[in-house]
PDB file of all heavy atoms in Angstrom:
ATOM      1  N   LEU A   1     112.450  51.873  60.344  1.00  0.00           N
ATOM      2  CA  LEU A   1     113.419  50.926  59.791  1.00  0.00           C
ATOM      3  C   LEU A   1     114.047  51.500  58.521  1.00  0.00           C
ATOM      4  O   LEU A   1     113.695  52.581  58.060  1.00  0.00           O
ATOM      5  CB  LEU A   1     112.729  49.591  59.529  1.00  0.00           C
ATOM      6  CG  LEU A   1     112.179  48.883  60.780  1.00  0.00           C
ATOM      7  CD1 LEU A   1     111.615  47.527  60.419  1.00  0.00           C
ATOM      8  CD2 LEU A   1     113.258  48.746  61.846  1.00  0.00           C
ATOM      9  N   GLN A   2     114.949  50.745  57.911  1.00  0.00           N
ATOM     10  CA  GLN A   2     115.795  51.299  56.855  1.00  0.00           C
ATOM     11  C   GLN A   2     115.081  51.560  55.527  1.00  0.00           C
ATOM     12  O   GLN A   2     115.606  52.285  54.705  1.00  0.00           O
ATOM     13  CB  GLN A   2     116.985  50.362  56.613  1.00  0.00           C
ATOM     14  CG  GLN A   2     117.995  50.391  57.757  1.00  0.00           C
ATOM     15  CD  GLN A   2     119.156  49.444  57.515  1.00  0.00           C
ATOM     16  OE1 GLN A   2     118.976  48.381  56.928  1.00  0.00           O
ATOM     17  NE2 GLN A   2     120.335  49.815  57.973  1.00  0.00           N
ATOM     18  N   ASP A   3     113.920  50.968  55.304  1.00  0.00           N
ATOM     19  CA  ASP A   3     113.293  51.100  53.990  1.00  0.00           C
ATOM     20  C   ASP A   3     112.190  52.156  53.979  1.00  0.00           C
ATOM     21  O   ASP A   3     111.301  52.128  53.133  1.00  0.00           O
ATOM     22  CB  ASP A   3     112.737  49.756  53.522  1.00  0.00           C
ATOM     23  CG  ASP A   3     111.681  49.199  54.487  1.00  0.00           C
ATOM     24  OD1 ASP A   3     111.539  49.753  55.592  1.00  0.00           O
ATOM     25  OD2 ASP A   3     111.001  48.231  54.114  1.00  0.00           O
ATOM     26  N   THR A   4     112.231  53.120  54.904  1.00  0.00           N
ATOM     27  CA  THR A   4     111.232  54.184  54.947  1.00  0.00           C
ATOM     28  C   THR A   4     111.781  55.425  54.271  1.00  0.00           C
ATOM     29  O   THR A   4     112.870  55.903  54.619  1.00  0.00           O
ATOM     30  CB  THR A   4     110.847  54.515  56.408  1.00  0.00           C
ATOM     31  OG1 THR A   4     110.394  53.323  57.054  1.00  0.00           O
ATOM     32  CG2 THR A   4     109.750  55.560  56.451  1.00  0.00           C
ATOM     33  N   LEU A   5     111.034  55.976  53.310  1.00  0.00           N
ATOM     34  CA  LEU A   5     111.484  57.156  52.573  1.00  0.00           C
ATOM     35  C   LEU A   5     111.057  58.412  53.324  1.00  0.00           C
ATOM     36  O   LEU A   5     109.874  58.581  53.645  1.00  0.00           O
ATOM     37  CB  LEU A   5     110.892  57.153  51.158  1.00  0.00           C
ATOM     38  CG  LEU A   5     111.474  58.160  50.157  1.00  0.00           C
ATOM     39  CD1 LEU A   5     112.961  57.897  49.952  1.00  0.00           C
ATOM     40  CD2 LEU A   5     110.731  58.078  48.835  1.00  0.00           C
ATOM     41  N   ILE A   6     112.003  59.277  53.614  1.00  0.00           N
ATOM     42  CA  ILE A   6     111.727  60.462  54.418  1.00  0.00           C
ATOM     43  C   ILE A   6     112.326  61.718  53.802  1.00  0.00           C
ATOM     44  O   ILE A   6     113.186  61.656  52.924  1.00  0.00           O
ATOM     45  CB  ILE A   6     112.279  60.316  55.857  1.00  0.00           C
ATOM     46  CG1 ILE A   6     113.805  60.155  55.814  1.00  0.00           C
ATOM     47  CG2 ILE A   6     111.621  59.163  56.588  1.00  0.00           C
ATOM     48  CD1 ILE A   6     114.479  60.265  57.173  1.00  0.00           C
ATOM     49  N   ALA A   7     111.854  62.869  54.284  1.00  0.00           N
ATOM     50  CA  ALA A   7     112.549  64.142  54.096  1.00  0.00           C
ATOM     51  C   ALA A   7     113.145  64.495  55.440  1.00  0.00           C
ATOM     52  O   ALA A   7     112.466  64.435  56.470  1.00  0.00           O
ATOM     53  CB  ALA A   7     111.575  65.221  53.636  1.00  0.00           C
ATOM     54  N   ALA A   8     114.436  64.855  55.461  1.00  0.00           N
ATOM     55  CA  ALA A   8     115.116  65.134  56.723  1.00  0.00           C
ATOM     56  C   ALA A   8     116.039  66.330  56.553  1.00  0.00           C
ATOM     57  O   ALA A   8     116.570  66.576  55.461  1.00  0.00           O
ATOM     58  CB  ALA A   8     115.912  63.917  57.185  1.00  0.00           C
ATOM     59  N   ASP A   9     116.216  67.087  57.637  1.00  0.00           N
ATOM     60  CA  ASP A   9     117.239  68.131  57.604  1.00  0.00           C
ATOM     61  C   ASP A   9     118.516  67.540  58.188  1.00  0.00           C
ATOM     62  O   ASP A   9     118.655  66.320  58.304  1.00  0.00           O
ATOM     63  CB  ASP A   9     116.772  69.405  58.315  1.00  0.00           C
ATOM     64  CG  ASP A   9     116.529  69.209  59.818  1.00  0.00           C
ATOM     65  OD1 ASP A   9     116.857  68.124  60.352  1.00  0.00           O
ATOM     66  OD2 ASP A   9     116.001  70.145  60.446  1.00  0.00           O
ATOM     67  N   GLU A  10     119.452  68.386  58.583  1.00  0.00           N
ATOM     68  CA  GLU A  10     120.746  67.884  59.046  1.00  0.00           C
ATOM     69  C   GLU A  10     120.699  67.355  60.479  1.00  0.00           C
ATOM     70  O   GLU A  10     121.697  66.848  60.987  1.00  0.00           O
ATOM     71  CB  GLU A  10     121.797  68.985  58.909  1.00  0.00           C
ATOM     72  CG  GLU A  10     122.052  69.343  57.442  1.00  0.00           C
ATOM     73  CD  GLU A  10     123.042  70.492  57.271  1.00  0.00           C
ATOM     74  OE1 GLU A  10     123.546  70.993  58.297  1.00  0.00           O
ATOM     75  OE2 GLU A  10     123.300  70.872  56.118  1.00  0.00           O
ATOM     76  N   GLU A  11     119.506  67.455  61.119  1.00  0.00           N
ATOM     77  CA  GLU A  11     119.388  66.988  62.497  1.00  0.00           C
ATOM     78  C   GLU A  11     118.498  65.768  62.648  1.00  0.00           C
ATOM     79  O   GLU A  11     118.814  64.862  63.413  1.00  0.00           O
ATOM     80  CB  GLU A  11     118.850  68.120  63.384  1.00  0.00           C
ATOM     81  CG  GLU A  11     119.817  69.285  63.544  1.00  0.00           C
ATOM     82  CD  GLU A  11     119.269  70.346  64.480  1.00  0.00           C
ATOM     83  OE1 GLU A  11     118.077  70.254  64.859  1.00  0.00           O
ATOM     84  OE2 GLU A  11     120.024  71.268  64.826  1.00  0.00           O
ATOM     85  N   SER A  12     117.354  65.733  61.929  1.00  0.00           N
ATOM     86  CA  SER A  12     116.387  64.662  62.161  1.00  0.00           C
ATOM     87  C   SER A  12     115.372  64.578  61.030  1.00  0.00           C
ATOM     88  O   SER A  12     115.252  65.502  60.209  1.00  0.00           O
ATOM     89  CB  SER A  12     115.657  64.915  63.494  1.00  0.00           C
ATOM     90  OG  SER A  12     114.973  66.158  63.433  1.00  0.00           O
ATOM     91  N   PRO A  13     114.579  63.479  60.964  1.00  0.00           N
ATOM     92  CA  PRO A  13     113.514  63.356  59.963  1.00  0.00           C
ATOM     93  C   PRO A  13     112.438  64.423  60.168  1.00  0.00           C
ATOM     94  O   PRO A  13     112.075  64.743  61.296  1.00  0.00           O
ATOM     95  CB  PRO A  13     112.950  61.958  60.213  1.00  0.00           C
ATOM     96  CG  PRO A  13     114.048  61.215  60.900  1.00  0.00           C
ATOM     97  CD  PRO A  13     114.745  62.231  61.749  1.00  0.00           C
ATOM     98  N   LEU A  14     111.922  64.944  59.053  1.00  0.00           N
ATOM     99  CA  LEU A  14     110.874  65.968  59.093  1.00  0.00           C
ATOM    100  C   LEU A  14     109.547  65.480  58.536  1.00  0.00           C
ATOM    101  O   LEU A  14     108.508  66.060  58.826  1.00  0.00           O
ATOM    102  CB  LEU A  14     111.313  67.209  58.304  1.00  0.00           C
ATOM    103  CG  LEU A  14     112.594  67.903  58.749  1.00  0.00           C
ATOM    104  CD1 LEU A  14     112.878  69.096  57.839  1.00  0.00           C
ATOM    105  CD2 LEU A  14     112.497  68.346  60.198  1.00  0.00           C
ATOM    106  N   CYS A  15     109.593  64.427  57.721  1.00  0.00           N
ATOM    107  CA  CYS A  15     108.349  63.963  57.095  1.00  0.00           C
ATOM    108  C   CYS A  15     108.486  62.525  56.625  1.00  0.00           C
ATOM    109  O   CYS A  15     109.515  62.159  56.028  1.00  0.00           O
ATOM    110  CB  CYS A  15     108.011  64.870  55.897  1.00  0.00           C
ATOM    111  SG  CYS A  15     106.478  64.450  55.050  1.00  0.00           S
ATOM    112  N   LEU A  16     107.480  61.693  56.921  1.00  0.00           N
ATOM    113  CA  LEU A  16     107.357  60.393  56.265  1.00  0.00           C
ATOM    114  C   LEU A  16     106.672  60.680  54.946  1.00  0.00           C
ATOM    115  O   LEU A  16     105.461  60.920  54.903  1.00  0.00           O
ATOM    116  CB  LEU A  16     106.515  59.436  57.117  1.00  0.00           C
ATOM    117  CG  LEU A  16     107.020  59.119  58.526  1.00  0.00           C
ATOM    118  CD1 LEU A  16     106.075  58.137  59.198  1.00  0.00           C
ATOM    119  CD2 LEU A  16     108.431  58.566  58.484  1.00  0.00           C
ATOM    120  N   LEU A  17     107.419  60.683  53.875  1.00  0.00           N
ATOM    121  CA  LEU A  17     106.930  61.194  52.595  1.00  0.00           C
ATOM    122  C   LEU A  17     105.661  60.480  52.146  1.00  0.00           C
ATOM    123  O   LEU A  17     105.587  59.251  52.140  1.00  0.00           O
ATOM    124  CB  LEU A  17     108.020  61.071  51.536  1.00  0.00           C
ATOM    125  CG  LEU A  17     109.196  62.046  51.735  1.00  0.00           C
ATOM    126  CD1 LEU A  17     110.328  61.731  50.768  1.00  0.00           C
ATOM    127  CD2 LEU A  17     108.753  63.489  51.577  1.00  0.00           C
ATOM    128  N   GLY A  18     104.673  61.284  51.792  1.00  0.00           N
ATOM    129  CA  GLY A  18     103.405  60.762  51.316  1.00  0.00           C
ATOM    130  C   GLY A  18     102.434  60.362  52.403  1.00  0.00           C
ATOM    131  O   GLY A  18     101.288  60.015  52.111  1.00  0.00           O
ATOM    132  N   ILE A  19     102.877  60.436  53.675  1.00  0.00           N
ATOM    133  CA  ILE A  19     102.028  59.938  54.766  1.00  0.00           C
ATOM    134  C   ILE A  19     101.750  61.013  55.811  1.00  0.00           C
ATOM    135  O   ILE A  19     100.608  61.414  56.012  1.00  0.00           O
ATOM    136  CB  ILE A  19     102.651  58.685  55.405  1.00  0.00           C
ATOM    137  CG1 ILE A  19     102.753  57.567  54.355  1.00  0.00           C
ATOM    138  CG2 ILE A  19     101.808  58.204  56.599  1.00  0.00           C
ATOM    139  CD1 ILE A  19     103.435  56.314  54.842  1.00  0.00           C
ATOM    140  N   ILE A  20     102.800  61.498  56.495  1.00  0.00           N
ATOM    141  CA  ILE A  20     102.569  62.475  57.566  1.00  0.00           C
ATOM    142  C   ILE A  20     103.867  63.205  57.888  1.00  0.00           C
ATOM    143  O   ILE A  20     104.959  62.659  57.754  1.00  0.00           O
ATOM    144  CB  ILE A  20     102.017  61.783  58.837  1.00  0.00           C
ATOM    145  CG1 ILE A  20     101.425  62.799  59.807  1.00  0.00           C
ATOM    146  CG2 ILE A  20     103.074  60.926  59.506  1.00  0.00           C
ATOM    147  CD1 ILE A  20     100.622  62.167  60.951  1.00  0.00           C
ATOM    148  N   GLY A  21     103.723  64.470  58.304  1.00  0.00           N
ATOM    149  CA  GLY A  21     104.866  65.269  58.692  1.00  0.00           C
ATOM    150  C   GLY A  21     105.148  65.172  60.176  1.00  0.00           C
ATOM    151  O   GLY A  21     104.427  64.515  60.938  1.00  0.00           O
ATOM    152  N   SER A  22     106.229  65.840  60.601  1.00  0.00           N
ATOM    153  CA  SER A  22     106.607  65.861  62.012  1.00  0.00           C
ATOM    154  C   SER A  22     106.168  67.172  62.651  1.00  0.00           C
ATOM    155  O   SER A  22     105.810  68.138  61.966  1.00  0.00           O
ATOM    156  CB  SER A  22     108.123  65.715  62.155  1.00  0.00           C
ATOM    157  OG  SER A  22     108.760  66.931  61.775  1.00  0.00           O
ATOM    158  N   THR A  23     106.224  67.188  63.975  1.00  0.00           N
ATOM    159  CA  THR A  23     105.921  68.424  64.687  1.00  0.00           C
ATOM    160  C   THR A  23     107.044  69.445  64.516  1.00  0.00           C
ATOM    161  O   THR A  23     106.805  70.646  64.614  1.00  0.00           O
ATOM    162  CB  THR A  23     105.750  68.137  66.188  1.00  0.00           C
ATOM    163  OG1 THR A  23     106.925  67.465  66.679  1.00  0.00           O
ATOM    164  CG2 THR A  23     104.543  67.254  66.439  1.00  0.00           C
ATOM    165  N   LYS A  24     108.252  68.980  64.222  1.00  0.00           N
ATOM    166  CA  LYS A  24     109.422  69.854  64.232  1.00  0.00           C
ATOM    167  C   LYS A  24     109.323  70.978  63.208  1.00  0.00           C
ATOM    168  O   LYS A  24     109.659  72.128  63.505  1.00  0.00           O
ATOM    169  CB  LYS A  24     110.691  69.027  63.981  1.00  0.00           C
ATOM    170  CG  LYS A  24     111.952  69.885  63.959  1.00  0.00           C
ATOM    171  CD  LYS A  24     113.193  69.089  63.639  1.00  0.00           C
ATOM    172  CE  LYS A  24     114.395  70.014  63.486  1.00  0.00           C
ATOM    173  NZ  LYS A  24     115.617  69.283  63.095  1.00  0.00           N
ATOM    174  N   ALA A  25     108.875  70.660  61.995  1.00  0.00           N
ATOM    175  CA  ALA A  25     108.839  71.672  60.934  1.00  0.00           C
ATOM    176  C   ALA A  25     107.421  72.094  60.599  1.00  0.00           C
ATOM    177  O   ALA A  25     107.152  72.604  59.505  1.00  0.00           O
ATOM    178  CB  ALA A  25     109.546  71.138  59.691  1.00  0.00           C
ATOM    179  N   ALA A  26     106.492  71.893  61.530  1.00  0.00           N
ATOM    180  CA  ALA A  26     105.087  72.231  61.277  1.00  0.00           C
ATOM    181  C   ALA A  26     104.879  73.745  61.263  1.00  0.00           C
ATOM    182  O   ALA A  26     105.538  74.488  61.998  1.00  0.00           O
ATOM    183  CB  ALA A  26     104.200  71.597  62.337  1.00  0.00           C
ATOM    184  N   CYS A  27     103.937  74.189  60.449  1.00  0.00           N
ATOM    185  CA  CYS A  27     103.605  75.611  60.373  1.00  0.00           C
ATOM    186  C   CYS A  27     102.745  76.008  61.565  1.00  0.00           C
ATOM    187  O   CYS A  27     101.906  75.235  62.027  1.00  0.00           O
ATOM    188  CB  CYS A  27     102.859  75.917  59.077  1.00  0.00           C
ATOM    189  SG  CYS A  27     103.834  75.618  57.584  1.00  0.00           S
ATOM    190  N   ASP A  28     102.945  77.223  62.056  1.00  0.00           N
ATOM    191  CA  ASP A  28     102.126  77.760  63.141  1.00  0.00           C
ATOM    192  C   ASP A  28     101.868  79.237  62.887  1.00  0.00           C
ATOM    193  O   ASP A  28     102.166  79.751  61.802  1.00  0.00           O
ATOM    194  CB  ASP A  28     102.799  77.530  64.500  1.00  0.00           C
ATOM    195  CG  ASP A  28     104.215  78.098  64.562  1.00  0.00           C
ATOM    196  OD1 ASP A  28     104.460  79.161  63.945  1.00  0.00           O
ATOM    197  OD2 ASP A  28     105.085  77.496  65.214  1.00  0.00           O
ATOM    198  N   GLU A  29     101.316  79.937  63.901  1.00  0.00           N
ATOM    199  CA  GLU A  29     100.938  81.342  63.707  1.00  0.00           C
ATOM    200  C   GLU A  29     102.146  82.256  63.508  1.00  0.00           C
ATOM    201  O   GLU A  29     102.003  83.402  63.055  1.00  0.00           O
ATOM    202  CB  GLU A  29     100.106  81.827  64.902  1.00  0.00           C
ATOM    203  CG  GLU A  29     100.843  81.921  66.220  1.00  0.00           C
ATOM    204  CD  GLU A  29     100.829  80.621  67.015  1.00  0.00           C
ATOM    205  OE1 GLU A  29     100.531  79.560  66.417  1.00  0.00           O
ATOM    206  OE2 GLU A  29     101.122  80.661  68.224  1.00  0.00           O
ATOM    207  N   HIS A  30     103.348  81.768  63.829  1.00  0.00           N
ATOM    208  CA  HIS A  30     104.557  82.567  63.666  1.00  0.00           C
ATOM    209  C   HIS A  30     105.249  82.312  62.327  1.00  0.00           C
ATOM    210  O   HIS A  30     106.259  82.962  62.028  1.00  0.00           O
ATOM    211  CB  HIS A  30     105.539  82.274  64.808  1.00  0.00           C
ATOM    212  CG  HIS A  30     104.956  82.500  66.179  1.00  0.00           C
ATOM    213  ND1 HIS A  30     104.530  83.732  66.615  1.00  0.00           N
ATOM    214  CD2 HIS A  30     104.706  81.627  67.193  1.00  0.00           C
ATOM    215  CE1 HIS A  30     104.055  83.629  67.839  1.00  0.00           C
ATOM    216  NE2 HIS A  30     104.140  82.364  68.218  1.00  0.00           N
ATOM    217  N   THR A  31     104.741  81.392  61.535  1.00  0.00           N
ATOM    218  CA  THR A  31     105.378  81.029  60.265  1.00  0.00           C
ATOM    219  C   THR A  31     105.316  82.190  59.273  1.00  0.00           C
ATOM    220  O   THR A  31     104.250  82.760  59.036  1.00  0.00           O
ATOM    221  CB  THR A  31     104.694  79.795  59.659  1.00  0.00           C
ATOM    222  OG1 THR A  31     104.851  78.685  60.543  1.00  0.00           O
ATOM    223  CG2 THR A  31     105.288  79.455  58.299  1.00  0.00           C
ATOM    224  N   THR A  32     106.455  82.511  58.688  1.00  0.00           N
ATOM    225  CA  THR A  32     106.516  83.576  57.672  1.00  0.00           C
ATOM    226  C   THR A  32     107.045  83.070  56.330  1.00  0.00           C
ATOM    227  O   THR A  32     106.719  83.617  55.286  1.00  0.00           O
ATOM    228  CB  THR A  32     107.415  84.732  58.141  1.00  0.00           C
ATOM    229  OG1 THR A  32     108.725  84.227  58.450  1.00  0.00           O
ATOM    230  CG2 THR A  32     106.822  85.409  59.376  1.00  0.00           C
ATOM    231  N   ASP A  33     107.873  82.022  56.360  1.00  0.00           N
ATOM    232  CA  ASP A  33     108.461  81.464  55.134  1.00  0.00           C
ATOM    233  C   ASP A  33     108.151  79.967  55.088  1.00  0.00           C
ATOM    234  O   ASP A  33     108.321  79.268  56.094  1.00  0.00           O
ATOM    235  CB  ASP A  33     109.981  81.674  55.093  1.00  0.00           C
ATOM    236  CG  ASP A  33     110.369  83.135  55.240  1.00  0.00           C
ATOM    237  OD1 ASP A  33     109.560  84.008  54.856  1.00  0.00           O
ATOM    238  OD2 ASP A  33     111.475  83.400  55.748  1.00  0.00           O
ATOM    239  N   ILE A  34     107.738  79.477  53.932  1.00  0.00           N
ATOM    240  CA  ILE A  34     107.342  78.074  53.833  1.00  0.00           C
ATOM    241  C   ILE A  34     108.006  77.379  52.657  1.00  0.00           C
ATOM    242  O   ILE A  34     108.388  78.017  51.666  1.00  0.00           O
ATOM    243  CB  ILE A  34     105.812  77.919  53.706  1.00  0.00           C
ATOM    244  CG1 ILE A  34     105.296  78.660  52.462  1.00  0.00           C
ATOM    245  CG2 ILE A  34     105.110  78.397  54.959  1.00  0.00           C
ATOM    246  CD1 ILE A  34     103.818  78.435  52.179  1.00  0.00           C
ATOM    247  N   LEU A  35     108.127  76.061  52.786  1.00  0.00           N
ATOM    248  CA  LEU A  35     108.561  75.181  51.704  1.00  0.00           C
ATOM    249  C   LEU A  35     107.401  74.259  51.365  1.00  0.00           C
ATOM    250  O   LEU A  35     106.884  73.567  52.244  1.00  0.00           O
ATOM    251  CB  LEU A  35     109.778  74.358  52.116  1.00  0.00           C
ATOM    252  CG  LEU A  35     110.202  73.250  51.141  1.00  0.00           C
ATOM    253  CD1 LEU A  35     110.754  73.857  49.851  1.00  0.00           C
ATOM    254  CD2 LEU A  35     111.229  72.322  51.786  1.00  0.00           C
ATOM    255  N   ILE A  36     106.971  74.284  50.096  1.00  0.00           N
ATOM    256  CA  ILE A  36     105.867  73.432  49.654  1.00  0.00           C
ATOM    257  C   ILE A  36     106.438  72.237  48.897  1.00  0.00           C
ATOM    258  O   ILE A  36     107.306  72.393  48.043  1.00  0.00           O
ATOM    259  CB  ILE A  36     104.901  74.205  48.730  1.00  0.00           C
ATOM    260  CG1 ILE A  36     104.431  75.495  49.406  1.00  0.00           C
ATOM    261  CG2 ILE A  36     103.701  73.336  48.358  1.00  0.00           C
ATOM    262  CD1 ILE A  36     103.661  76.413  48.454  1.00  0.00           C
ATOM    263  N   GLU A  37     105.933  71.056  49.219  1.00  0.00           N
ATOM    264  CA  GLU A  37     106.334  69.818  48.522  1.00  0.00           C
ATOM    265  C   GLU A  37     105.117  69.204  47.846  1.00  0.00           C
ATOM    266  O   GLU A  37     104.071  69.019  48.470  1.00  0.00           O
ATOM    267  CB  GLU A  37     106.921  68.831  49.522  1.00  0.00           C
ATOM    268  CG  GLU A  37     107.078  67.407  48.996  1.00  0.00           C
ATOM    269  CD  GLU A  37     106.801  66.385  50.093  1.00  0.00           C
ATOM    270  OE1 GLU A  37     107.423  66.490  51.168  1.00  0.00           O
ATOM    271  OE2 GLU A  37     105.949  65.494  49.866  1.00  0.00           O
ATOM    272  N   SER A  38     105.250  68.912  46.556  1.00  0.00           N
ATOM    273  CA  SER A  38     104.205  68.222  45.788  1.00  0.00           C
ATOM    274  C   SER A  38     104.896  67.097  45.040  1.00  0.00           C
ATOM    275  O   SER A  38     105.814  67.341  44.255  1.00  0.00           O
ATOM    276  CB  SER A  38     103.541  69.203  44.808  1.00  0.00           C
ATOM    277  OG  SER A  38     102.574  68.562  44.018  1.00  0.00           O
ATOM    278  N   ALA A  39     104.468  65.855  45.290  1.00  0.00           N
ATOM    279  CA  ALA A  39     105.246  64.728  44.787  1.00  0.00           C
ATOM    280  C   ALA A  39     104.378  63.587  44.293  1.00  0.00           C
ATOM    281  O   ALA A  39     103.158  63.563  44.504  1.00  0.00           O
ATOM    282  CB  ALA A  39     106.191  64.228  45.879  1.00  0.00           C
ATOM    283  N   LEU A  40     105.019  62.646  43.619  1.00  0.00           N
ATOM    284  CA  LEU A  40     104.395  61.390  43.209  1.00  0.00           C
ATOM    285  C   LEU A  40     105.108  60.257  43.939  1.00  0.00           C
ATOM    286  O   LEU A  40     106.340  60.224  43.990  1.00  0.00           O
ATOM    287  CB  LEU A  40     104.513  61.187  41.701  1.00  0.00           C
ATOM    288  CG  LEU A  40     103.867  62.241  40.802  1.00  0.00           C
ATOM    289  CD1 LEU A  40     104.168  61.944  39.337  1.00  0.00           C
ATOM    290  CD2 LEU A  40     102.370  62.307  41.026  1.00  0.00           C
TER     291      LEU A  40
END
């Protein structure tokens, strides 16, 4: 719904902030570059 705070790229939501991430941007054995988020 509209009151959910997320991180999203230009295509779709990537993370319900503070709760859980999506499969789309998850790290795997092929990951070489990462973005770290630390928040309040």
